[in-house]
Amino acid sequence: MWKESENALERSYEFKDFVAAIAFMVNAAMYIEQLDHHPIWTNVYNKVFVKLQTHDAGDTVTDKDRKLAEVLDQVYEEITKKA
């Protein structure tokens, strides 16, 4: 679930292993480039933490963040269904 806190949307995703976590990041990268809206994200083994905020809007949450959050959730569903 996405959590809005301190002018950002945040979520952690958990996968079966490191390869699945990296597959999520790679697959999401294509959509991220298309949307031209890049997240702050980190990976530790089977977890990916994502933070979204629009820097051009003063580091606040905008529709761009909400759209990217939806896309990331869709990519997560696709990756976890393949597991």
PDB file of N, CA and C in Angstrom:
ATOM      1  N   MET A   1       0.837  -1.190   0.000  1.00  0.00           N
ATOM      2  CA  MET A   1       0.000   0.000   0.000  1.00  0.00           C
ATOM      3  C   MET A   1       0.882   1.253   0.000  1.00  0.00           C
ATOM      4  N   TRP A   2       0.465   2.228  -0.765  1.00  0.00           N
ATOM      5  CA  TRP A   2       1.168   3.505  -0.793  1.00  0.00           C
ATOM      6  C   TRP A   2       0.783   4.316   0.434  1.00  0.00           C
ATOM      7  N   LYS A   3       1.765   5.006   0.976  1.00  0.00           N
ATOM      8  CA  LYS A   3       1.558   5.855   2.145  1.00  0.00           C
ATOM      9  C   LYS A   3       2.016   7.260   1.774  1.00  0.00           C
ATOM     10  N   GLU A   4       1.164   8.242   2.028  1.00  0.00           N
ATOM     11  CA  GLU A   4       1.561   9.630   1.781  1.00  0.00           C
ATOM     12  C   GLU A   4       2.065  10.223   3.085  1.00  0.00           C
ATOM     13  N   SER A   5       3.311  10.677   3.051  1.00  0.00           N
ATOM     14  CA  SER A   5       3.953  11.200   4.246  1.00  0.00           C
ATOM     15  C   SER A   5       5.018  12.213   3.851  1.00  0.00           C
ATOM     16  N   GLU A   6       5.054  13.327   4.545  1.00  0.00           N
ATOM     17  CA  GLU A   6       6.081  14.356   4.329  1.00  0.00           C
ATOM     18  C   GLU A   6       6.225  14.716   2.851  1.00  0.00           C
ATOM     19  N   ASN A   7       5.110  15.026   2.217  1.00  0.00           N
ATOM     20  CA  ASN A   7       5.074  15.459   0.817  1.00  0.00           C
ATOM     21  C   ASN A   7       5.646  14.427  -0.151  1.00  0.00           C
ATOM     22  N   ALA A   8       5.425  13.159   0.122  1.00  0.00           N
ATOM     23  CA  ALA A   8       5.886  12.094  -0.772  1.00  0.00           C
ATOM     24  C   ALA A   8       4.969  10.884  -0.652  1.00  0.00           C
ATOM     25  N   LEU A   9       4.921  10.108  -1.721  1.00  0.00           N
ATOM     26  CA  LEU A   9       4.275   8.796  -1.692  1.00  0.00           C
ATOM     27  C   LEU A   9       5.377   7.771  -1.490  1.00  0.00           C
ATOM     28  N   GLU A  10       5.164   6.821  -0.588  1.00  0.00           N
ATOM     29  CA  GLU A  10       6.179   5.810  -0.301  1.00  0.00           C
ATOM     30  C   GLU A  10       5.549   4.424  -0.271  1.00  0.00           C
ATOM     31  N   ARG A  11       6.341   3.462  -0.744  1.00  0.00           N
ATOM     32  CA  ARG A  11       5.886   2.072  -0.697  1.00  0.00           C
ATOM     33  C   ARG A  11       7.090   1.151  -0.764  1.00  0.00           C
ATOM     34  N   SER A  12       6.980   0.016  -0.091  1.00  0.00           N
ATOM     35  CA  SER A  12       7.965  -1.052  -0.215  1.00  0.00           C
ATOM     36  C   SER A  12       7.310  -2.229  -0.924  1.00  0.00           C
ATOM     37  N   TYR A  13       8.057  -2.827  -1.840  1.00  0.00           N
ATOM     38  CA  TYR A  13       7.619  -4.026  -2.536  1.00  0.00           C
ATOM     39  C   TYR A  13       8.516  -5.180  -2.102  1.00  0.00           C
ATOM     40  N   GLU A  14       7.932  -6.347  -1.915  1.00  0.00           N
ATOM     41  CA  GLU A  14       8.711  -7.532  -1.537  1.00  0.00           C
ATOM     42  C   GLU A  14       8.517  -8.615  -2.590  1.00  0.00           C
ATOM     43  N   PHE A  15       9.614  -9.294  -2.931  1.00  0.00           N
ATOM     44  CA  PHE A  15       9.630 -10.296  -3.981  1.00  0.00           C
ATOM     45  C   PHE A  15      10.175 -11.611  -3.434  1.00  0.00           C
ATOM     46  N   LYS A  16      10.065 -12.672  -4.232  1.00  0.00           N
ATOM     47  CA  LYS A  16      10.536 -13.980  -3.777  1.00  0.00           C
ATOM     48  C   LYS A  16      12.054 -14.030  -3.647  1.00  0.00           C
ATOM     49  N   ASP A  17      12.761 -13.217  -4.443  1.00  0.00           N
ATOM     50  CA  ASP A  17      14.218 -13.231  -4.383  1.00  0.00           C
ATOM     51  C   ASP A  17      14.785 -11.972  -5.035  1.00  0.00           C
ATOM     52  N   PHE A  18      16.105 -11.880  -5.053  1.00  0.00           N
ATOM     53  CA  PHE A  18      16.803 -10.734  -5.617  1.00  0.00           C
ATOM     54  C   PHE A  18      16.514 -10.576  -7.111  1.00  0.00           C
ATOM     55  N   VAL A  19      16.512 -11.678  -7.846  1.00  0.00           N
ATOM     56  CA  VAL A  19      16.291 -11.623  -9.301  1.00  0.00           C
ATOM     57  C   VAL A  19      14.920 -11.018  -9.614  1.00  0.00           C
ATOM     58  N   ALA A  20      13.903 -11.395  -8.883  1.00  0.00           N
ATOM     59  CA  ALA A  20      12.563 -10.846  -9.106  1.00  0.00           C
ATOM     60  C   ALA A  20      12.521  -9.355  -8.775  1.00  0.00           C
ATOM     61  N   ALA A  21      13.208  -8.955  -7.734  1.00  0.00           N
ATOM     62  CA  ALA A  21      13.257  -7.529  -7.369  1.00  0.00           C
ATOM     63  C   ALA A  21      13.921  -6.708  -8.471  1.00  0.00           C
ATOM     64  N   ILE A  22      15.014  -7.228  -9.008  1.00  0.00           N
ATOM     65  CA  ILE A  22      15.708  -6.517 -10.088  1.00  0.00           C
ATOM     66  C   ILE A  22      14.872  -6.536 -11.367  1.00  0.00           C
ATOM     67  N   ALA A  23      14.174  -7.633 -11.635  1.00  0.00           N
ATOM     68  CA  ALA A  23      13.294  -7.695 -12.802  1.00  0.00           C
ATOM     69  C   ALA A  23      12.222  -6.609 -12.711  1.00  0.00           C
ATOM     70  N   PHE A  24      11.695  -6.397 -11.524  1.00  0.00           N
ATOM     71  CA  PHE A  24      10.713  -5.327 -11.312  1.00  0.00           C
ATOM     72  C   PHE A  24      11.317  -3.976 -11.678  1.00  0.00           C
ATOM     73  N   MET A  25      12.509  -3.720 -11.199  1.00  0.00           N
ATOM     74  CA  MET A  25      13.147  -2.423 -11.454  1.00  0.00           C
ATOM     75  C   MET A  25      13.428  -2.240 -12.952  1.00  0.00           C
ATOM     76  N   VAL A  26      13.896  -3.277 -13.598  1.00  0.00           N
ATOM     77  CA  VAL A  26      14.195  -3.198 -15.033  1.00  0.00           C
ATOM     78  C   VAL A  26      12.916  -2.977 -15.841  1.00  0.00           C
ATOM     79  N   ASN A  27      11.878  -3.751 -15.553  1.00  0.00           N
ATOM     80  CA  ASN A  27      10.612  -3.589 -16.276  1.00  0.00           C
ATOM     81  C   ASN A  27       9.980  -2.228 -16.007  1.00  0.00           C
ATOM     82  N   ALA A  28      10.060  -1.763 -14.788  1.00  0.00           N
ATOM     83  CA  ALA A  28       9.502  -0.455 -14.443  1.00  0.00           C
ATOM     84  C   ALA A  28      10.261   0.670 -15.130  1.00  0.00           C
ATOM     85  N   ALA A  29      11.554   0.483 -15.371  1.00  0.00           N
ATOM     86  CA  ALA A  29      12.383   1.537 -15.957  1.00  0.00           C
ATOM     87  C   ALA A  29      11.846   2.008 -17.307  1.00  0.00           C
ATOM     88  N   MET A  30      11.314   1.104 -18.098  1.00  0.00           N
ATOM     89  CA  MET A  30      10.768   1.485 -19.406  1.00  0.00           C
ATOM     90  C   MET A  30       9.597   2.459 -19.251  1.00  0.00           C
ATOM     91  N   TYR A  31       8.713   2.178 -18.323  1.00  0.00           N
ATOM     92  CA  TYR A  31       7.562   3.049 -18.078  1.00  0.00           C
ATOM     93  C   TYR A  31       7.996   4.371 -17.448  1.00  0.00           C
ATOM     94  N   ILE A  32       8.957   4.292 -16.557  1.00  0.00           N
ATOM     95  CA  ILE A  32       9.474   5.492 -15.903  1.00  0.00           C
ATOM     96  C   ILE A  32      10.022   6.460 -16.950  1.00  0.00           C
ATOM     97  N   GLU A  33      10.769   5.936 -17.902  1.00  0.00           N
ATOM     98  CA  GLU A  33      11.316   6.777 -18.977  1.00  0.00           C
ATOM     99  C   GLU A  33      10.197   7.373 -19.817  1.00  0.00           C
ATOM    100  N   GLN A  34       9.184   6.571 -20.142  1.00  0.00           N
ATOM    101  CA  GLN A  34       8.062   7.070 -20.947  1.00  0.00           C
ATOM    102  C   GLN A  34       7.332   8.204 -20.238  1.00  0.00           C
ATOM    103  N   LEU A  35       7.175   8.067 -18.922  1.00  0.00           N
ATOM    104  CA  LEU A  35       6.489   9.094 -18.142  1.00  0.00           C
ATOM    105  C   LEU A  35       7.396  10.269 -17.822  1.00  0.00           C
ATOM    106  N   ASP A  36       8.699  10.101 -18.026  1.00  0.00           N
ATOM    107  CA  ASP A  36       9.699  11.116 -17.705  1.00  0.00           C
ATOM    108  C   ASP A  36       9.530  11.603 -16.254  1.00  0.00           C
ATOM    109  N   HIS A  37       9.383  10.622 -15.371  1.00  0.00           N
ATOM    110  CA  HIS A  37       9.191  10.926 -13.951  1.00  0.00           C
ATOM    111  C   HIS A  37       9.920   9.849 -13.156  1.00  0.00           C
ATOM    112  N   HIS A  38      11.037  10.203 -12.586  1.00  0.00           N
ATOM    113  CA  HIS A  38      11.959   9.224 -12.012  1.00  0.00           C
ATOM    114  C   HIS A  38      11.851   9.161 -10.493  1.00  0.00           C
ATOM    115  N   PRO A  39      11.702   7.950  -9.960  1.00  0.00           N
ATOM    116  CA  PRO A  39      11.537   7.790  -8.510  1.00  0.00           C
ATOM    117  C   PRO A  39      12.877   7.814  -7.771  1.00  0.00           C
ATOM    118  N   ILE A  40      12.777   7.985  -6.493  1.00  0.00           N
ATOM    119  CA  ILE A  40      13.876   7.677  -5.588  1.00  0.00           C
ATOM    120  C   ILE A  40      13.601   6.241  -5.171  1.00  0.00           C
ATOM    121  N   TRP A  41      14.531   5.330  -5.448  1.00  0.00           N
ATOM    122  CA  TRP A  41      14.283   3.944  -5.064  1.00  0.00           C
ATOM    123  C   TRP A  41      15.574   3.246  -4.712  1.00  0.00           C
ATOM    124  N   THR A  42      15.432   2.238  -3.852  1.00  0.00           N
ATOM    125  CA  THR A  42      16.576   1.447  -3.418  1.00  0.00           C
ATOM    126  C   THR A  42      16.174  -0.023  -3.421  1.00  0.00           C
ATOM    127  N   ASN A  43      17.184  -0.869  -3.530  1.00  0.00           N
ATOM    128  CA  ASN A  43      16.965  -2.307  -3.505  1.00  0.00           C
ATOM    129  C   ASN A  43      17.894  -2.929  -2.480  1.00  0.00           C
ATOM    130  N   VAL A  44      17.342  -3.773  -1.633  1.00  0.00           N
ATOM    131  CA  VAL A  44      18.118  -4.614  -0.728  1.00  0.00           C
ATOM    132  C   VAL A  44      17.545  -6.017  -0.842  1.00  0.00           C
ATOM    133  N   TYR A  45      18.339  -6.904  -1.398  1.00  0.00           N
ATOM    134  CA  TYR A  45      17.991  -8.297  -1.669  1.00  0.00           C
ATOM    135  C   TYR A  45      16.630  -8.415  -2.347  1.00  0.00           C
ATOM    136  N   ASN A  46      15.570  -8.802  -1.637  1.00  0.00           N
ATOM    137  CA  ASN A  46      14.273  -9.035  -2.276  1.00  0.00           C
ATOM    138  C   ASN A  46      13.272  -7.906  -2.049  1.00  0.00           C
ATOM    139  N   LYS A  47      13.761  -6.758  -1.629  1.00  0.00           N
ATOM    140  CA  LYS A  47      12.874  -5.625  -1.350  1.00  0.00           C
ATOM    141  C   LYS A  47      13.289  -4.406  -2.176  1.00  0.00           C
ATOM    142  N   VAL A  48      12.267  -3.672  -2.638  1.00  0.00           N
ATOM    143  CA  VAL A  48      12.489  -2.413  -3.336  1.00  0.00           C
ATOM    144  C   VAL A  48      11.657  -1.357  -2.624  1.00  0.00           C
ATOM    145  N   PHE A  49      12.308  -0.291  -2.165  1.00  0.00           N
ATOM    146  CA  PHE A  49      11.632   0.840  -1.532  1.00  0.00           C
ATOM    147  C   PHE A  49      11.536   1.961  -2.554  1.00  0.00           C
ATOM    148  N   VAL A  50      10.338   2.562  -2.682  1.00  0.00           N
ATOM    149  CA  VAL A  50      10.109   3.621  -3.662  1.00  0.00           C
ATOM    150  C   VAL A  50       9.560   4.854  -2.964  1.00  0.00           C
ATOM    151  N   LYS A  51      10.099   6.004  -3.348  1.00  0.00           N
ATOM    152  CA  LYS A  51       9.608   7.294  -2.854  1.00  0.00           C
ATOM    153  C   LYS A  51       9.337   8.166  -4.075  1.00  0.00           C
ATOM    154  N   LEU A  52       8.120   8.714  -4.142  1.00  0.00           N
ATOM    155  CA  LEU A  52       7.718   9.555  -5.268  1.00  0.00           C
ATOM    156  C   LEU A  52       7.358  10.947  -4.793  1.00  0.00           C
ATOM    157  N   GLN A  53       7.904  11.941  -5.466  1.00  0.00           N
ATOM    158  CA  GLN A  53       7.497  13.324  -5.284  1.00  0.00           C
ATOM    159  C   GLN A  53       7.963  14.094  -6.515  1.00  0.00           C
ATOM    160  N   THR A  54       7.256  15.160  -6.827  1.00  0.00           N
ATOM    161  CA  THR A  54       7.564  15.939  -8.018  1.00  0.00           C
ATOM    162  C   THR A  54       8.452  17.111  -7.634  1.00  0.00           C
ATOM    163  N   HIS A  55       9.691  17.046  -8.066  1.00  0.00           N
ATOM    164  CA  HIS A  55      10.658  18.083  -7.710  1.00  0.00           C
ATOM    165  C   HIS A  55      10.303  19.427  -8.343  1.00  0.00           C
ATOM    166  N   ASP A  56       9.797  19.380  -9.600  1.00  0.00           N
ATOM    167  CA  ASP A  56       9.428  20.617 -10.296  1.00  0.00           C
ATOM    168  C   ASP A  56       8.262  21.342  -9.631  1.00  0.00           C
ATOM    169  N   ALA A  57       7.523  20.638  -8.788  1.00  0.00           N
ATOM    170  CA  ALA A  57       6.373  21.237  -8.099  1.00  0.00           C
ATOM    171  C   ALA A  57       6.705  21.526  -6.637  1.00  0.00           C
ATOM    172  N   GLY A  58       7.999  21.634  -6.334  1.00  0.00           N
ATOM    173  CA  GLY A  58       8.400  21.963  -4.965  1.00  0.00           C
ATOM    174  C   GLY A  58       8.443  20.767  -4.048  1.00  0.00           C
ATOM    175  N   ASP A  59       8.771  19.599  -4.604  1.00  0.00           N
ATOM    176  CA  ASP A  59       8.856  18.367  -3.815  1.00  0.00           C
ATOM    177  C   ASP A  59       7.549  18.042  -3.103  1.00  0.00           C
ATOM    178  N   THR A  60       6.486  18.031  -3.881  1.00  0.00           N
ATOM    179  CA  THR A  60       5.171  17.654  -3.357  1.00  0.00           C
ATOM    180  C   THR A  60       4.624  16.503  -4.196  1.00  0.00           C
ATOM    181  N   VAL A  61       3.518  15.945  -3.758  1.00  0.00           N
ATOM    182  CA  VAL A  61       2.852  14.867  -4.485  1.00  0.00           C
ATOM    183  C   VAL A  61       1.913  15.480  -5.523  1.00  0.00           C
ATOM    184  N   THR A  62       2.057  15.023  -6.768  1.00  0.00           N
ATOM    185  CA  THR A  62       1.202  15.520  -7.851  1.00  0.00           C
ATOM    186  C   THR A  62       0.583  14.326  -8.585  1.00  0.00           C
ATOM    187  N   ASP A  63      -0.205  14.629  -9.610  1.00  0.00           N
ATOM    188  CA  ASP A  63      -0.806  13.571 -10.427  1.00  0.00           C
ATOM    189  C   ASP A  63       0.257  12.708 -11.092  1.00  0.00           C
ATOM    190  N   LYS A  64       1.426  13.288 -11.405  1.00  0.00           N
ATOM    191  CA  LYS A  64       2.514  12.513 -11.993  1.00  0.00           C
ATOM    192  C   LYS A  64       2.936  11.387 -11.047  1.00  0.00           C
ATOM    193  N   ASP A  65       2.988  11.682  -9.756  1.00  0.00           N
ATOM    194  CA  ASP A  65       3.362  10.671  -8.768  1.00  0.00           C
ATOM    195  C   ASP A  65       2.299   9.593  -8.654  1.00  0.00           C
ATOM    196  N   ARG A  66       1.066  10.010  -8.626  1.00  0.00           N
ATOM    197  CA  ARG A  66      -0.028   9.044  -8.513  1.00  0.00           C
ATOM    198  C   ARG A  66      -0.086   8.130  -9.738  1.00  0.00           C
ATOM    199  N   LYS A  67       0.149   8.679 -10.915  1.00  0.00           N
ATOM    200  CA  LYS A  67       0.166   7.875 -12.142  1.00  0.00           C
ATOM    201  C   LYS A  67       1.310   6.869 -12.095  1.00  0.00           C
ATOM    202  N   LEU A  68       2.500   7.316 -11.699  1.00  0.00           N
ATOM    203  CA  LEU A  68       3.636   6.413 -11.619  1.00  0.00           C
ATOM    204  C   LEU A  68       3.399   5.338 -10.564  1.00  0.00           C
ATOM    205  N   ALA A  69       2.770   5.678  -9.459  1.00  0.00           N
ATOM    206  CA  ALA A  69       2.444   4.694  -8.427  1.00  0.00           C
ATOM    207  C   ALA A  69       1.548   3.594  -9.004  1.00  0.00           C
ATOM    208  N   GLU A  70       0.556   3.977  -9.804  1.00  0.00           N
ATOM    209  CA  GLU A  70      -0.328   2.992 -10.439  1.00  0.00           C
ATOM    210  C   GLU A  70       0.457   2.078 -11.377  1.00  0.00           C
ATOM    211  N   VAL A  71       1.337   2.676 -12.158  1.00  0.00           N
ATOM    212  CA  VAL A  71       2.142   1.899 -13.096  1.00  0.00           C
ATOM    213  C   VAL A  71       3.037   0.917 -12.353  1.00  0.00           C
ATOM    214  N   LEU A  72       3.683   1.373 -11.282  1.00  0.00           N
ATOM    215  CA  LEU A  72       4.566   0.497 -10.505  1.00  0.00           C
ATOM    216  C   LEU A  72       3.776  -0.659  -9.893  1.00  0.00           C
ATOM    217  N   ASP A  73       2.577  -0.390  -9.428  1.00  0.00           N
ATOM    218  CA  ASP A  73       1.739  -1.464  -8.891  1.00  0.00           C
ATOM    219  C   ASP A  73       1.400  -2.494  -9.972  1.00  0.00           C
ATOM    220  N   GLN A  74       1.147  -2.027 -11.193  1.00  0.00           N
ATOM    221  CA  GLN A  74       0.846  -2.946 -12.291  1.00  0.00           C
ATOM    222  C   GLN A  74       2.062  -3.811 -12.631  1.00  0.00           C
ATOM    223  N   VAL A  75       3.237  -3.196 -12.654  1.00  0.00           N
ATOM    224  CA  VAL A  75       4.461  -3.949 -12.938  1.00  0.00           C
ATOM    225  C   VAL A  75       4.693  -4.974 -11.828  1.00  0.00           C
ATOM    226  N   TYR A  76       4.451  -4.585 -10.579  1.00  0.00           N
ATOM    227  CA  TYR A  76       4.604  -5.503  -9.454  1.00  0.00           C
ATOM    228  C   TYR A  76       3.686  -6.724  -9.630  1.00  0.00           C
ATOM    229  N   GLU A  77       2.441  -6.467 -10.003  1.00  0.00           N
ATOM    230  CA  GLU A  77       1.496  -7.568 -10.200  1.00  0.00           C
ATOM    231  C   GLU A  77       1.983  -8.507 -11.298  1.00  0.00           C
ATOM    232  N   GLU A  78       2.493  -7.957 -12.380  1.00  0.00           N
ATOM    233  CA  GLU A  78       2.992  -8.779 -13.478  1.00  0.00           C
ATOM    234  C   GLU A  78       4.173  -9.642 -13.039  1.00  0.00           C
ATOM    235  N   ILE A  79       5.094  -9.060 -12.297  1.00  0.00           N
ATOM    236  CA  ILE A  79       6.287  -9.775 -11.852  1.00  0.00           C
ATOM    237  C   ILE A  79       5.907 -10.875 -10.861  1.00  0.00           C
ATOM    238  N   THR A  80       5.040 -10.585  -9.924  1.00  0.00           N
ATOM    239  CA  THR A  80       4.696 -11.572  -8.900  1.00  0.00           C
ATOM    240  C   THR A  80       3.806 -12.690  -9.452  1.00  0.00           C
ATOM    241  N   LYS A  81       3.072 -12.444 -10.523  1.00  0.00           N
ATOM    242  CA  LYS A  81       2.264 -13.502 -11.146  1.00  0.00           C
ATOM    243  C   LYS A  81       3.150 -14.519 -11.846  1.00  0.00           C
ATOM    244  N   LYS A  82       4.310 -14.081 -12.323  1.00  0.00           N
ATOM    245  CA  LYS A  82       5.238 -14.982 -12.997  1.00  0.00           C
ATOM    246  C   LYS A  82       5.976 -15.885 -12.016  1.00  0.00           C
ATOM    247  N   ALA A  83       5.956 -15.504 -10.752  1.00  0.00           N
ATOM    248  CA  ALA A  83       6.730 -16.246  -9.737  1.00  0.00           C
ATOM    249  C   ALA A  83       6.172 -17.633  -9.495  1.00  0.00           C
TER     250      ALA A  83
END
